[in-house]
């Protein structure tokens, strides 16, 4: 029997825009950005319906029992058209089954929002089965790859700006796949643009430069020039700004994999625009690939891939701190 599947949390906002407000929203998943965003959207719709601060309450899983919260949800508002109750950290509630009975006949004057940080292994069990049957439960999955790029393009459009997909991919490559960090960086870019309409590769670079924050591309450039001190400085800056070691190793693996293809592409006279797509980079950066390939022979690249594999294994199997691990990796990449 196939497992039940909850609808995406991304479906909530379009329904809210149509004026459809449900009595219960059970939001769960690993994408905290989506969970917080969906909660904000619900609160924005309910806000005009509140005339008393007493009709807005927030609880946490460790502070109140589910029974207490459901009793409050069943009580009439203090004078508002609606009341909203937000119950965060719902994953910490041990006995969730009483929610089933409330979900069968929810109070129509209450909007109950339950936030569950993490996954649910069995949606066929109660109260999830009942919530699912009544369209009250939504999953916030981590956005990755093309879906994350699509979100960046769409988010930029919602702010009145144009962001080309290849530039959105550069932003993901710079920042990583953490949506909170991506939104923060994008907001900084929007402030920099002012009345300009397009987010260009130049604006993305200039904002990073003005904030004195290095990017993965700066690290690639330093390695391309075989500048060890500069590479270590940039790598430490990335780590200090929240970039994960596994992301750095992954991006460097992608970079050197692309670098290994350059000689063949040049021998076939592939135009730079097309070659950039093949190696997985923005055309703006491809000239750096061609320059670096002259310094990295096939034999040298074999050593580089050994170092990258060693670093990847170390992340998973040793207790080395991030800066030590990255310093060793850079030293092994640039050893003569």
C-alpha atoms as a PDB file:
ATOM      1  CA  UNK A   1       0.000   0.000   0.000  1.00  0.00           C
ATOM      2  CA  UNK A   2       1.418   3.392  -1.038  1.00  0.00           C
ATOM      3  CA  UNK A   3       2.120   5.910   1.682  1.00  0.00           C
ATOM      4  CA  UNK A   4      -0.125   8.926   1.933  1.00  0.00           C
ATOM      5  CA  UNK A   5       1.411  12.148   0.702  1.00  0.00           C
ATOM      6  CA  UNK A   6       0.709  15.623   2.038  1.00  0.00           C
ATOM      7  CA  UNK A   7       0.250  18.507  -0.413  1.00  0.00           C
ATOM      8  CA  UNK A   8       3.026  21.070  -0.738  1.00  0.00           C
ATOM      9  CA  UNK A   9       2.985  24.055   1.584  1.00  0.00           C
ATOM     10  CA  UNK A  10       3.431  26.177  -1.556  1.00  0.00           C
ATOM     11  CA  UNK A  11      -0.270  25.571  -2.308  1.00  0.00           C
ATOM     12  CA  UNK A  12      -1.367  27.508   0.775  1.00  0.00           C
ATOM     13  CA  UNK A  13      -0.630  31.035  -0.438  1.00  0.00           C
ATOM     14  CA  UNK A  14      -2.632  30.810  -3.706  1.00  0.00           C
ATOM     15  CA  UNK A  15      -5.674  29.629  -1.722  1.00  0.00           C
ATOM     16  CA  UNK A  16      -5.289  32.473   0.769  1.00  0.00           C
ATOM     17  CA  UNK A  17      -5.178  34.956  -2.108  1.00  0.00           C
ATOM     18  CA  UNK A  18      -8.525  33.564  -3.264  1.00  0.00           C
ATOM     19  CA  UNK A  19      -9.956  34.353   0.182  1.00  0.00           C
ATOM     20  CA  UNK A  20     -10.077  30.724   1.276  1.00  0.00           C
ATOM     21  CA  UNK A  21      -9.142  30.511   4.958  1.00  0.00           C
ATOM     22  CA  UNK A  22      -9.098  27.064   6.580  1.00  0.00           C
ATOM     23  CA  UNK A  23      -9.876  26.503  10.288  1.00  0.00           C
ATOM     24  CA  UNK A  24      -6.735  24.382  10.738  1.00  0.00           C
ATOM     25  CA  UNK A  25      -3.287  24.522   9.191  1.00  0.00           C
ATOM     26  CA  UNK A  26      -0.845  21.791  10.126  1.00  0.00           C
ATOM     27  CA  UNK A  27       2.513  22.777   8.634  1.00  0.00           C
ATOM     28  CA  UNK A  28       5.374  20.276   8.851  1.00  0.00           C
ATOM     29  CA  UNK A  29       8.686  19.636   7.146  1.00  0.00           C
ATOM     30  CA  UNK A  30      12.396  20.366   7.110  1.00  0.00           C
ATOM     31  CA  UNK A  31      12.269  23.722   5.316  1.00  0.00           C
ATOM     32  CA  UNK A  32      11.956  26.194   8.201  1.00  0.00           C
ATOM     33  CA  UNK A  33      11.885  29.081   5.733  1.00  0.00           C
ATOM     34  CA  UNK A  34       8.680  27.754   4.122  1.00  0.00           C
ATOM     35  CA  UNK A  35       7.126  27.027   7.507  1.00  0.00           C
ATOM     36  CA  UNK A  36       7.746  30.583   8.717  1.00  0.00           C
ATOM     37  CA  UNK A  37       6.644  32.071   5.399  1.00  0.00           C
ATOM     38  CA  UNK A  38       3.365  30.115   5.358  1.00  0.00           C
ATOM     39  CA  UNK A  39       2.625  31.135   8.940  1.00  0.00           C
ATOM     40  CA  UNK A  40       3.227  34.799   8.040  1.00  0.00           C
ATOM     41  CA  UNK A  41       0.843  34.497   5.084  1.00  0.00           C
ATOM     42  CA  UNK A  42      -1.936  33.077   7.263  1.00  0.00           C
ATOM     43  CA  UNK A  43      -1.366  35.737   9.925  1.00  0.00           C
ATOM     44  CA  UNK A  44      -1.544  38.491   7.296  1.00  0.00           C
ATOM     45  CA  UNK A  45      -4.978  37.280   6.158  1.00  0.00           C
ATOM     46  CA  UNK A  46      -6.346  36.888   9.701  1.00  0.00           C
ATOM     47  CA  UNK A  47      -4.956  40.209  10.982  1.00  0.00           C
ATOM     48  CA  UNK A  48      -7.741  42.449   9.530  1.00  0.00           C
ATOM     49  CA  UNK A  49     -10.318  40.208  11.205  1.00  0.00           C
ATOM     50  CA  UNK A  50      -8.926  40.776  14.698  1.00  0.00           C
ATOM     51  CA  UNK A  51     -10.183  43.595  16.897  1.00  0.00           C
ATOM     52  CA  UNK A  52      -8.604  42.409  20.145  1.00  0.00           C
ATOM     53  CA  UNK A  53      -5.062  41.333  20.983  1.00  0.00           C
ATOM     54  CA  UNK A  54      -6.600  38.683  23.224  1.00  0.00           C
ATOM     55  CA  UNK A  55      -7.711  36.859  20.078  1.00  0.00           C
ATOM     56  CA  UNK A  56      -4.114  36.205  19.045  1.00  0.00           C
ATOM     57  CA  UNK A  57      -2.125  33.634  21.039  1.00  0.00           C
ATOM     58  CA  UNK A  58       1.130  31.744  20.507  1.00  0.00           C
ATOM     59  CA  UNK A  59       2.102  28.573  22.390  1.00  0.00           C
ATOM     60  CA  UNK A  60       5.005  26.137  22.285  1.00  0.00           C
ATOM     61  CA  UNK A  61       5.034  22.359  22.489  1.00  0.00           C
ATOM     62  CA  UNK A  62       6.810  22.205  25.839  1.00  0.00           C
ATOM     63  CA  UNK A  63       4.684  24.898  27.507  1.00  0.00           C
ATOM     64  CA  UNK A  64       1.060  23.804  27.014  1.00  0.00           C
ATOM     65  CA  UNK A  65      -0.755  20.524  26.593  1.00  0.00           C
ATOM     66  CA  UNK A  66      -2.685  19.897  23.388  1.00  0.00           C
ATOM     67  CA  UNK A  67      -5.906  19.591  25.399  1.00  0.00           C
ATOM     68  CA  UNK A  68      -5.497  23.108  26.831  1.00  0.00           C
ATOM     69  CA  UNK A  69      -4.849  24.602  23.404  1.00  0.00           C
ATOM     70  CA  UNK A  70      -7.818  22.813  21.821  1.00  0.00           C
ATOM     71  CA  UNK A  71     -10.098  24.071  24.623  1.00  0.00           C
ATOM     72  CA  UNK A  72      -8.920  27.616  23.891  1.00  0.00           C
ATOM     73  CA  UNK A  73      -9.511  27.054  20.180  1.00  0.00           C
ATOM     74  CA  UNK A  74     -13.111  25.983  20.914  1.00  0.00           C
ATOM     75  CA  UNK A  75     -13.779  29.122  22.999  1.00  0.00           C
ATOM     76  CA  UNK A  76     -15.396  32.137  21.314  1.00  0.00           C
ATOM     77  CA  UNK A  77     -13.279  35.201  20.440  1.00  0.00           C
ATOM     78  CA  UNK A  78     -13.266  38.219  22.741  1.00  0.00           C
ATOM     79  CA  UNK A  79     -15.079  40.298  20.153  1.00  0.00           C
ATOM     80  CA  UNK A  80     -13.204  39.737  16.925  1.00  0.00           C
ATOM     81  CA  UNK A  81     -14.619  38.082  13.838  1.00  0.00           C
ATOM     82  CA  UNK A  82     -11.887  35.448  14.120  1.00  0.00           C
ATOM     83  CA  UNK A  83      -9.201  34.390  16.547  1.00  0.00           C
ATOM     84  CA  UNK A  84      -5.836  32.847  15.696  1.00  0.00           C
ATOM     85  CA  UNK A  85      -3.886  30.374  17.786  1.00  0.00           C
ATOM     86  CA  UNK A  86      -0.359  29.397  16.753  1.00  0.00           C
ATOM     87  CA  UNK A  87       1.090  26.269  18.331  1.00  0.00           C
ATOM     88  CA  UNK A  88       4.811  25.983  17.529  1.00  0.00           C
ATOM     89  CA  UNK A  89       7.148  23.035  18.128  1.00  0.00           C
ATOM     90  CA  UNK A  90       4.174  20.725  17.744  1.00  0.00           C
ATOM     91  CA  UNK A  91       6.580  17.846  17.114  1.00  0.00           C
ATOM     92  CA  UNK A  92       7.281  17.922  20.879  1.00  0.00           C
ATOM     93  CA  UNK A  93       3.659  17.150  21.761  1.00  0.00           C
ATOM     94  CA  UNK A  94       3.635  13.494  22.816  1.00  0.00           C
ATOM     95  CA  UNK A  95      -0.053  12.668  22.387  1.00  0.00           C
ATOM     96  CA  UNK A  96      -1.361  14.246  19.191  1.00  0.00           C
ATOM     97  CA  UNK A  97      -4.444  12.038  18.775  1.00  0.00           C
ATOM     98  CA  UNK A  98      -6.923  14.479  20.420  1.00  0.00           C
ATOM     99  CA  UNK A  99      -6.367  16.679  17.369  1.00  0.00           C
ATOM    100  CA  UNK A 100      -8.327  14.138  15.309  1.00  0.00           C
ATOM    101  CA  UNK A 101     -11.640  14.827  17.086  1.00  0.00           C
ATOM    102  CA  UNK A 102     -11.149  18.589  16.870  1.00  0.00           C
ATOM    103  CA  UNK A 103     -10.280  18.335  13.154  1.00  0.00           C
ATOM    104  CA  UNK A 104     -13.578  16.546  12.462  1.00  0.00           C
ATOM    105  CA  UNK A 105     -15.597  19.527  13.788  1.00  0.00           C
ATOM    106  CA  UNK A 106     -13.254  22.540  14.073  1.00  0.00           C
ATOM    107  CA  UNK A 107     -14.479  25.881  15.397  1.00  0.00           C
ATOM    108  CA  UNK A 108     -15.301  28.099  12.430  1.00  0.00           C
ATOM    109  CA  UNK A 109     -14.298  31.261  14.339  1.00  0.00           C
ATOM    110  CA  UNK A 110     -10.747  30.007  15.090  1.00  0.00           C
ATOM    111  CA  UNK A 111      -7.730  29.625  12.835  1.00  0.00           C
ATOM    112  CA  UNK A 112      -5.468  27.058  14.477  1.00  0.00           C
ATOM    113  CA  UNK A 113      -1.946  26.915  13.035  1.00  0.00           C
ATOM    114  CA  UNK A 114       0.270  24.026  14.126  1.00  0.00           C
ATOM    115  CA  UNK A 115       3.980  24.148  13.279  1.00  0.00           C
ATOM    116  CA  UNK A 116       5.825  20.826  13.258  1.00  0.00           C
ATOM    117  CA  UNK A 117       9.572  21.123  12.586  1.00  0.00           C
ATOM    118  CA  UNK A 118      10.638  17.885  10.910  1.00  0.00           C
ATOM    119  CA  UNK A 119       9.220  15.033   8.891  1.00  0.00           C
ATOM    120  CA  UNK A 120       6.312  12.675   9.632  1.00  0.00           C
ATOM    121  CA  UNK A 121       7.013   9.013   8.967  1.00  0.00           C
ATOM    122  CA  UNK A 122       3.436   7.738   8.758  1.00  0.00           C
ATOM    123  CA  UNK A 123       0.704  10.022   7.456  1.00  0.00           C
ATOM    124  CA  UNK A 124      -1.747   7.119   7.546  1.00  0.00           C
ATOM    125  CA  UNK A 125      -1.849   7.251  11.347  1.00  0.00           C
ATOM    126  CA  UNK A 126      -4.012   9.646  13.350  1.00  0.00           C
ATOM    127  CA  UNK A 127      -4.387  12.564  13.574  1.00  0.00           C
ATOM    128  CA  UNK A 128      -2.601  12.961  10.224  1.00  0.00           C
ATOM    129  CA  UNK A 129      -5.046  10.765   8.327  1.00  0.00           C
ATOM    130  CA  UNK A 130      -7.987  12.980   9.341  1.00  0.00           C
ATOM    131  CA  UNK A 131      -6.040  16.179   8.689  1.00  0.00           C
ATOM    132  CA  UNK A 132      -5.097  14.885   5.259  1.00  0.00           C
ATOM    133  CA  UNK A 133      -8.691  13.947   4.436  1.00  0.00           C
ATOM    134  CA  UNK A 134      -9.826  17.486   5.279  1.00  0.00           C
ATOM    135  CA  UNK A 135      -6.969  19.304   3.486  1.00  0.00           C
ATOM    136  CA  UNK A 136      -5.572  20.702   6.726  1.00  0.00           C
ATOM    137  CA  UNK A 137      -1.989  19.388   6.495  1.00  0.00           C
ATOM    138  CA  UNK A 138       0.859  20.636   4.285  1.00  0.00           C
ATOM    139  CA  UNK A 139       4.506  19.656   3.889  1.00  0.00           C
ATOM    140  CA  UNK A 140       7.449  22.038   3.563  1.00  0.00           C
ATOM    141  CA  UNK A 141      10.132  20.211   1.607  1.00  0.00           C
ATOM    142  CA  UNK A 142      13.596  21.620   1.111  1.00  0.00           C
ATOM    143  CA  UNK A 143      13.880  23.223  -2.319  1.00  0.00           C
ATOM    144  CA  UNK A 144      16.879  22.081  -4.330  1.00  0.00           C
ATOM    145  CA  UNK A 145      18.305  22.364  -7.828  1.00  0.00           C
ATOM    146  CA  UNK A 146      16.018  23.767 -10.495  1.00  0.00           C
ATOM    147  CA  UNK A 147      13.141  24.180  -8.043  1.00  0.00           C
ATOM    148  CA  UNK A 148      15.262  26.489  -5.914  1.00  0.00           C
ATOM    149  CA  UNK A 149      16.325  28.480  -8.983  1.00  0.00           C
ATOM    150  CA  UNK A 150      12.646  28.792  -9.969  1.00  0.00           C
ATOM    151  CA  UNK A 151      11.849  30.119  -6.505  1.00  0.00           C
ATOM    152  CA  UNK A 152      14.579  32.766  -6.738  1.00  0.00           C
ATOM    153  CA  UNK A 153      13.271  33.927 -10.113  1.00  0.00           C
ATOM    154  CA  UNK A 154       9.685  34.010  -8.804  1.00  0.00           C
ATOM    155  CA  UNK A 155      10.686  35.773  -5.556  1.00  0.00           C
ATOM    156  CA  UNK A 156      12.538  38.432  -7.542  1.00  0.00           C
ATOM    157  CA  UNK A 157       9.474  38.958  -9.750  1.00  0.00           C
ATOM    158  CA  UNK A 158       7.341  39.452  -6.642  1.00  0.00           C
ATOM    159  CA  UNK A 159       9.722  42.287  -5.728  1.00  0.00           C
ATOM    160  CA  UNK A 160       9.398  43.858  -9.176  1.00  0.00           C
ATOM    161  CA  UNK A 161      12.822  42.710 -10.396  1.00  0.00           C
ATOM    162  CA  UNK A 162      13.980  40.471 -13.232  1.00  0.00           C
ATOM    163  CA  UNK A 163      16.433  37.666 -12.479  1.00  0.00           C
ATOM    164  CA  UNK A 164      17.638  35.435 -15.306  1.00  0.00           C
ATOM    165  CA  UNK A 165      17.862  31.731 -14.444  1.00  0.00           C
ATOM    166  CA  UNK A 166      21.611  31.539 -15.076  1.00  0.00           C
ATOM    167  CA  UNK A 167      22.157  34.462 -12.681  1.00  0.00           C
ATOM    168  CA  UNK A 168      19.880  32.816 -10.117  1.00  0.00           C
ATOM    169  CA  UNK A 169      22.054  29.705 -10.386  1.00  0.00           C
ATOM    170  CA  UNK A 170      25.155  31.823  -9.723  1.00  0.00           C
ATOM    171  CA  UNK A 171      23.498  33.144  -6.556  1.00  0.00           C
ATOM    172  CA  UNK A 172      22.763  29.584  -5.400  1.00  0.00           C
ATOM    173  CA  UNK A 173      26.359  28.609  -6.171  1.00  0.00           C
ATOM    174  CA  UNK A 174      27.632  31.548  -4.141  1.00  0.00           C
ATOM    175  CA  UNK A 175      25.382  31.222  -1.104  1.00  0.00           C
ATOM    176  CA  UNK A 176      24.337  27.574  -1.039  1.00  0.00           C
ATOM    177  CA  UNK A 177      20.833  26.101  -0.833  1.00  0.00           C
ATOM    178  CA  UNK A 178      19.786  27.654   2.477  1.00  0.00           C
ATOM    179  CA  UNK A 179      16.727  29.740   1.569  1.00  0.00           C
ATOM    180  CA  UNK A 180      17.021  32.071   4.536  1.00  0.00           C
ATOM    181  CA  UNK A 181      20.564  32.961   3.508  1.00  0.00           C
ATOM    182  CA  UNK A 182      19.502  33.300  -0.124  1.00  0.00           C
ATOM    183  CA  UNK A 183      16.652  35.641   0.808  1.00  0.00           C
ATOM    184  CA  UNK A 184      18.998  37.738   2.956  1.00  0.00           C
ATOM    185  CA  UNK A 185      21.502  38.059   0.120  1.00  0.00           C
ATOM    186  CA  UNK A 186      18.749  38.832  -2.378  1.00  0.00           C
ATOM    187  CA  UNK A 187      17.344  41.573  -0.143  1.00  0.00           C
ATOM    188  CA  UNK A 188      20.809  43.163   0.024  1.00  0.00           C
ATOM    189  CA  UNK A 189      20.994  43.064  -3.775  1.00  0.00           C
ATOM    190  CA  UNK A 190      17.554  44.668  -4.080  1.00  0.00           C
ATOM    191  CA  UNK A 191      18.650  47.519  -1.805  1.00  0.00           C
ATOM    192  CA  UNK A 192      21.748  47.996  -3.937  1.00  0.00           C
ATOM    193  CA  UNK A 193      19.724  48.068  -7.184  1.00  0.00           C
ATOM    194  CA  UNK A 194      17.346  50.803  -5.999  1.00  0.00           C
ATOM    195  CA  UNK A 195      15.272  51.699  -9.108  1.00  0.00           C
ATOM    196  CA  UNK A 196      17.097  49.347 -11.510  1.00  0.00           C
ATOM    197  CA  UNK A 197      14.906  46.510 -12.751  1.00  0.00           C
ATOM    198  CA  UNK A 198      17.315  43.647 -13.450  1.00  0.00           C
ATOM    199  CA  UNK A 199      19.508  41.631 -11.101  1.00  0.00           C
ATOM    200  CA  UNK A 200      22.649  41.152 -13.186  1.00  0.00           C
ATOM    201  CA  UNK A 201      25.763  39.097 -12.573  1.00  0.00           C
ATOM    202  CA  UNK A 202      27.608  42.377 -11.973  1.00  0.00           C
ATOM    203  CA  UNK A 203      25.167  43.495  -9.253  1.00  0.00           C
ATOM    204  CA  UNK A 204      25.443  40.113  -7.523  1.00  0.00           C
ATOM    205  CA  UNK A 205      29.231  40.396  -7.483  1.00  0.00           C
ATOM    206  CA  UNK A 206      29.312  44.027  -6.371  1.00  0.00           C
ATOM    207  CA  UNK A 207      27.047  43.406  -3.385  1.00  0.00           C
ATOM    208  CA  UNK A 208      29.237  40.526  -2.208  1.00  0.00           C
ATOM    209  CA  UNK A 209      32.308  42.715  -2.672  1.00  0.00           C
ATOM    210  CA  UNK A 210      30.815  45.734  -0.866  1.00  0.00           C
ATOM    211  CA  UNK A 211      29.898  43.544   2.117  1.00  0.00           C
ATOM    212  CA  UNK A 212      33.476  42.225   2.227  1.00  0.00           C
ATOM    213  CA  UNK A 213      32.099  38.709   1.870  1.00  0.00           C
ATOM    214  CA  UNK A 214      33.937  36.286  -0.359  1.00  0.00           C
ATOM    215  CA  UNK A 215      32.142  33.776  -2.567  1.00  0.00           C
ATOM    216  CA  UNK A 216      32.945  30.290  -3.772  1.00  0.00           C
ATOM    217  CA  UNK A 217      34.010  31.886  -7.057  1.00  0.00           C
ATOM    218  CA  UNK A 218      36.658  33.931  -5.244  1.00  0.00           C
ATOM    219  CA  UNK A 219      37.998  30.688  -3.790  1.00  0.00           C
ATOM    220  CA  UNK A 220      38.058  29.093  -7.241  1.00  0.00           C
ATOM    221  CA  UNK A 221      39.965  32.090  -8.610  1.00  0.00           C
ATOM    222  CA  UNK A 222      42.565  31.862  -5.838  1.00  0.00           C
ATOM    223  CA  UNK A 223      43.050  28.151  -6.518  1.00  0.00           C
ATOM    224  CA  UNK A 224      43.213  28.866 -10.249  1.00  0.00           C
ATOM    225  CA  UNK A 225      46.108  31.251  -9.524  1.00  0.00           C
ATOM    226  CA  UNK A 226      47.611  28.738  -7.100  1.00  0.00           C
ATOM    227  CA  UNK A 227      47.646  31.374  -4.351  1.00  0.00           C
ATOM    228  CA  UNK A 228      47.544  29.310  -1.160  1.00  0.00           C
ATOM    229  CA  UNK A 229      47.425  32.154   1.379  1.00  0.00           C
ATOM    230  CA  UNK A 230      44.642  33.887  -0.498  1.00  0.00           C
ATOM    231  CA  UNK A 231      42.700  30.622  -0.881  1.00  0.00           C
ATOM    232  CA  UNK A 232      42.899  29.904   2.858  1.00  0.00           C
ATOM    233  CA  UNK A 233      41.840  33.478   3.710  1.00  0.00           C
ATOM    234  CA  UNK A 234      38.800  33.223   1.428  1.00  0.00           C
ATOM    235  CA  UNK A 235      37.865  29.753   2.667  1.00  0.00           C
ATOM    236  CA  UNK A 236      37.966  30.938   6.300  1.00  0.00           C
ATOM    237  CA  UNK A 237      35.804  33.939   5.378  1.00  0.00           C
ATOM    238  CA  UNK A 238      33.258  31.599   3.799  1.00  0.00           C
ATOM    239  CA  UNK A 239      33.185  29.406   6.906  1.00  0.00           C
ATOM    240  CA  UNK A 240      32.862  32.440   9.190  1.00  0.00           C
ATOM    241  CA  UNK A 241      29.860  33.592   7.146  1.00  0.00           C
ATOM    242  CA  UNK A 242      27.972  30.323   7.585  1.00  0.00           C
ATOM    243  CA  UNK A 243      29.002  28.410   4.452  1.00  0.00           C
ATOM    244  CA  UNK A 244      29.236  24.698   5.244  1.00  0.00           C
ATOM    245  CA  UNK A 245      32.385  22.663   4.613  1.00  0.00           C
ATOM    246  CA  UNK A 246      30.447  20.067   2.639  1.00  0.00           C
ATOM    247  CA  UNK A 247      29.210  22.821   0.307  1.00  0.00           C
ATOM    248  CA  UNK A 248      32.767  24.092  -0.296  1.00  0.00           C
ATOM    249  CA  UNK A 249      34.038  20.587  -1.091  1.00  0.00           C
ATOM    250  CA  UNK A 250      31.044  19.899  -3.342  1.00  0.00           C
ATOM    251  CA  UNK A 251      31.480  23.140  -5.287  1.00  0.00           C
ATOM    252  CA  UNK A 252      35.234  22.611  -5.692  1.00  0.00           C
ATOM    253  CA  UNK A 253      34.571  19.102  -6.963  1.00  0.00           C
ATOM    254  CA  UNK A 254      32.171  20.560  -9.504  1.00  0.00           C
ATOM    255  CA  UNK A 255      34.695  23.252 -10.429  1.00  0.00           C
ATOM    256  CA  UNK A 256      37.589  20.869 -11.074  1.00  0.00           C
ATOM    257  CA  UNK A 257      35.291  18.452 -12.911  1.00  0.00           C
ATOM    258  CA  UNK A 258      34.376  21.326 -15.217  1.00  0.00           C
ATOM    259  CA  UNK A 259      38.027  22.304 -15.502  1.00  0.00           C
ATOM    260  CA  UNK A 260      38.898  18.797 -16.711  1.00  0.00           C
ATOM    261  CA  UNK A 261      36.568  19.258 -19.709  1.00  0.00           C
ATOM    262  CA  UNK A 262      38.055  22.519 -20.971  1.00  0.00           C
ATOM    263  CA  UNK A 263      40.865  21.086 -23.131  1.00  0.00           C
ATOM    264  CA  UNK A 264      38.500  18.833 -25.069  1.00  0.00           C
ATOM    265  CA  UNK A 265      35.985  21.639 -25.551  1.00  0.00           C
ATOM    266  CA  UNK A 266      38.685  23.944 -26.899  1.00  0.00           C
ATOM    267  CA  UNK A 267      39.968  21.254 -29.254  1.00  0.00           C
ATOM    268  CA  UNK A 268      36.447  21.066 -30.720  1.00  0.00           C
ATOM    269  CA  UNK A 269      36.208  24.873 -31.007  1.00  0.00           C
ATOM    270  CA  UNK A 270      33.077  24.973 -28.864  1.00  0.00           C
ATOM    271  CA  UNK A 271      31.981  28.636 -28.379  1.00  0.00           C
ATOM    272  CA  UNK A 272      32.564  29.955 -24.855  1.00  0.00           C
ATOM    273  CA  UNK A 273      28.824  30.468 -24.236  1.00  0.00           C
ATOM    274  CA  UNK A 274      28.064  26.820 -24.966  1.00  0.00           C
ATOM    275  CA  UNK A 275      31.239  25.573 -23.274  1.00  0.00           C
ATOM    276  CA  UNK A 276      30.299  27.412 -20.069  1.00  0.00           C
ATOM    277  CA  UNK A 277      26.985  25.553 -19.932  1.00  0.00           C
ATOM    278  CA  UNK A 278      28.744  22.224 -20.494  1.00  0.00           C
ATOM    279  CA  UNK A 279      31.210  22.720 -17.638  1.00  0.00           C
ATOM    280  CA  UNK A 280      28.431  24.066 -15.411  1.00  0.00           C
ATOM    281  CA  UNK A 281      29.362  27.706 -14.965  1.00  0.00           C
ATOM    282  CA  UNK A 282      28.227  31.181 -15.977  1.00  0.00           C
ATOM    283  CA  UNK A 283      29.796  32.508 -19.218  1.00  0.00           C
ATOM    284  CA  UNK A 284      31.235  35.374 -17.168  1.00  0.00           C
ATOM    285  CA  UNK A 285      33.465  32.920 -15.292  1.00  0.00           C
ATOM    286  CA  UNK A 286      34.455  30.646 -18.170  1.00  0.00           C
ATOM    287  CA  UNK A 287      37.506  32.672 -19.207  1.00  0.00           C
ATOM    288  CA  UNK A 288      38.894  31.911 -15.740  1.00  0.00           C
ATOM    289  CA  UNK A 289      38.419  28.206 -16.409  1.00  0.00           C
ATOM    290  CA  UNK A 290      40.485  28.446 -19.613  1.00  0.00           C
ATOM    291  CA  UNK A 291      43.262  30.271 -17.803  1.00  0.00           C
ATOM    292  CA  UNK A 292      43.283  27.800 -14.902  1.00  0.00           C
ATOM    293  CA  UNK A 293      43.351  24.747 -17.168  1.00  0.00           C
ATOM    294  CA  UNK A 294      46.800  25.783 -18.405  1.00  0.00           C
ATOM    295  CA  UNK A 295      48.114  25.450 -14.852  1.00  0.00           C
ATOM    296  CA  UNK A 296      46.343  22.194 -14.017  1.00  0.00           C
ATOM    297  CA  UNK A 297      47.626  19.289 -16.100  1.00  0.00           C
ATOM    298  CA  UNK A 298      45.753  15.995 -16.329  1.00  0.00           C
ATOM    299  CA  UNK A 299      48.184  14.499 -13.811  1.00  0.00           C
ATOM    300  CA  UNK A 300      47.668  17.442 -11.464  1.00  0.00           C
ATOM    301  CA  UNK A 301      43.888  17.097 -11.718  1.00  0.00           C
ATOM    302  CA  UNK A 302      44.127  13.442 -10.697  1.00  0.00           C
ATOM    303  CA  UNK A 303      45.904  14.548  -7.503  1.00  0.00           C
ATOM    304  CA  UNK A 304      43.250  17.234  -6.955  1.00  0.00           C
ATOM    305  CA  UNK A 305      40.412  14.702  -7.184  1.00  0.00           C
ATOM    306  CA  UNK A 306      42.227  12.439  -4.706  1.00  0.00           C
ATOM    307  CA  UNK A 307      42.436  15.380  -2.277  1.00  0.00           C
ATOM    308  CA  UNK A 308      38.753  16.198  -2.741  1.00  0.00           C
ATOM    309  CA  UNK A 309      37.738  12.574  -2.155  1.00  0.00           C
ATOM    310  CA  UNK A 310      39.895  12.459   0.977  1.00  0.00           C
ATOM    311  CA  UNK A 311      38.237  15.677   2.258  1.00  0.00           C
ATOM    312  CA  UNK A 312      34.765  14.300   1.558  1.00  0.00           C
ATOM    313  CA  UNK A 313      35.542  11.130   3.502  1.00  0.00           C
ATOM    314  CA  UNK A 314      37.067  13.164   6.358  1.00  0.00           C
ATOM    315  CA  UNK A 315      33.876  15.227   6.708  1.00  0.00           C
ATOM    316  CA  UNK A 316      31.911  12.021   7.250  1.00  0.00           C
ATOM    317  CA  UNK A 317      34.373  10.020   9.328  1.00  0.00           C
ATOM    318  CA  UNK A 318      36.648  12.331  11.370  1.00  0.00           C
ATOM    319  CA  UNK A 319      36.248  14.982  14.037  1.00  0.00           C
ATOM    320  CA  UNK A 320      38.571  17.493  12.361  1.00  0.00           C
ATOM    321  CA  UNK A 321      37.328  21.059  12.722  1.00  0.00           C
ATOM    322  CA  UNK A 322      36.205  22.765   9.520  1.00  0.00           C
ATOM    323  CA  UNK A 323      39.114  25.191   9.178  1.00  0.00           C
ATOM    324  CA  UNK A 324      41.721  22.479   9.673  1.00  0.00           C
ATOM    325  CA  UNK A 325      40.025  20.234   7.141  1.00  0.00           C
ATOM    326  CA  UNK A 326      39.789  22.993   4.520  1.00  0.00           C
ATOM    327  CA  UNK A 327      43.406  24.085   5.130  1.00  0.00           C
ATOM    328  CA  UNK A 328      44.588  20.509   4.526  1.00  0.00           C
ATOM    329  CA  UNK A 329      42.464  20.293   1.375  1.00  0.00           C
ATOM    330  CA  UNK A 330      43.861  23.524  -0.068  1.00  0.00           C
ATOM    331  CA  UNK A 331      47.427  22.487   0.756  1.00  0.00           C
ATOM    332  CA  UNK A 332      46.958  19.141  -1.009  1.00  0.00           C
ATOM    333  CA  UNK A 333      45.313  20.771  -4.045  1.00  0.00           C
ATOM    334  CA  UNK A 334      48.180  23.234  -4.440  1.00  0.00           C
ATOM    335  CA  UNK A 335      51.097  20.969  -3.554  1.00  0.00           C
ATOM    336  CA  UNK A 336      53.749  20.893  -6.240  1.00  0.00           C
END
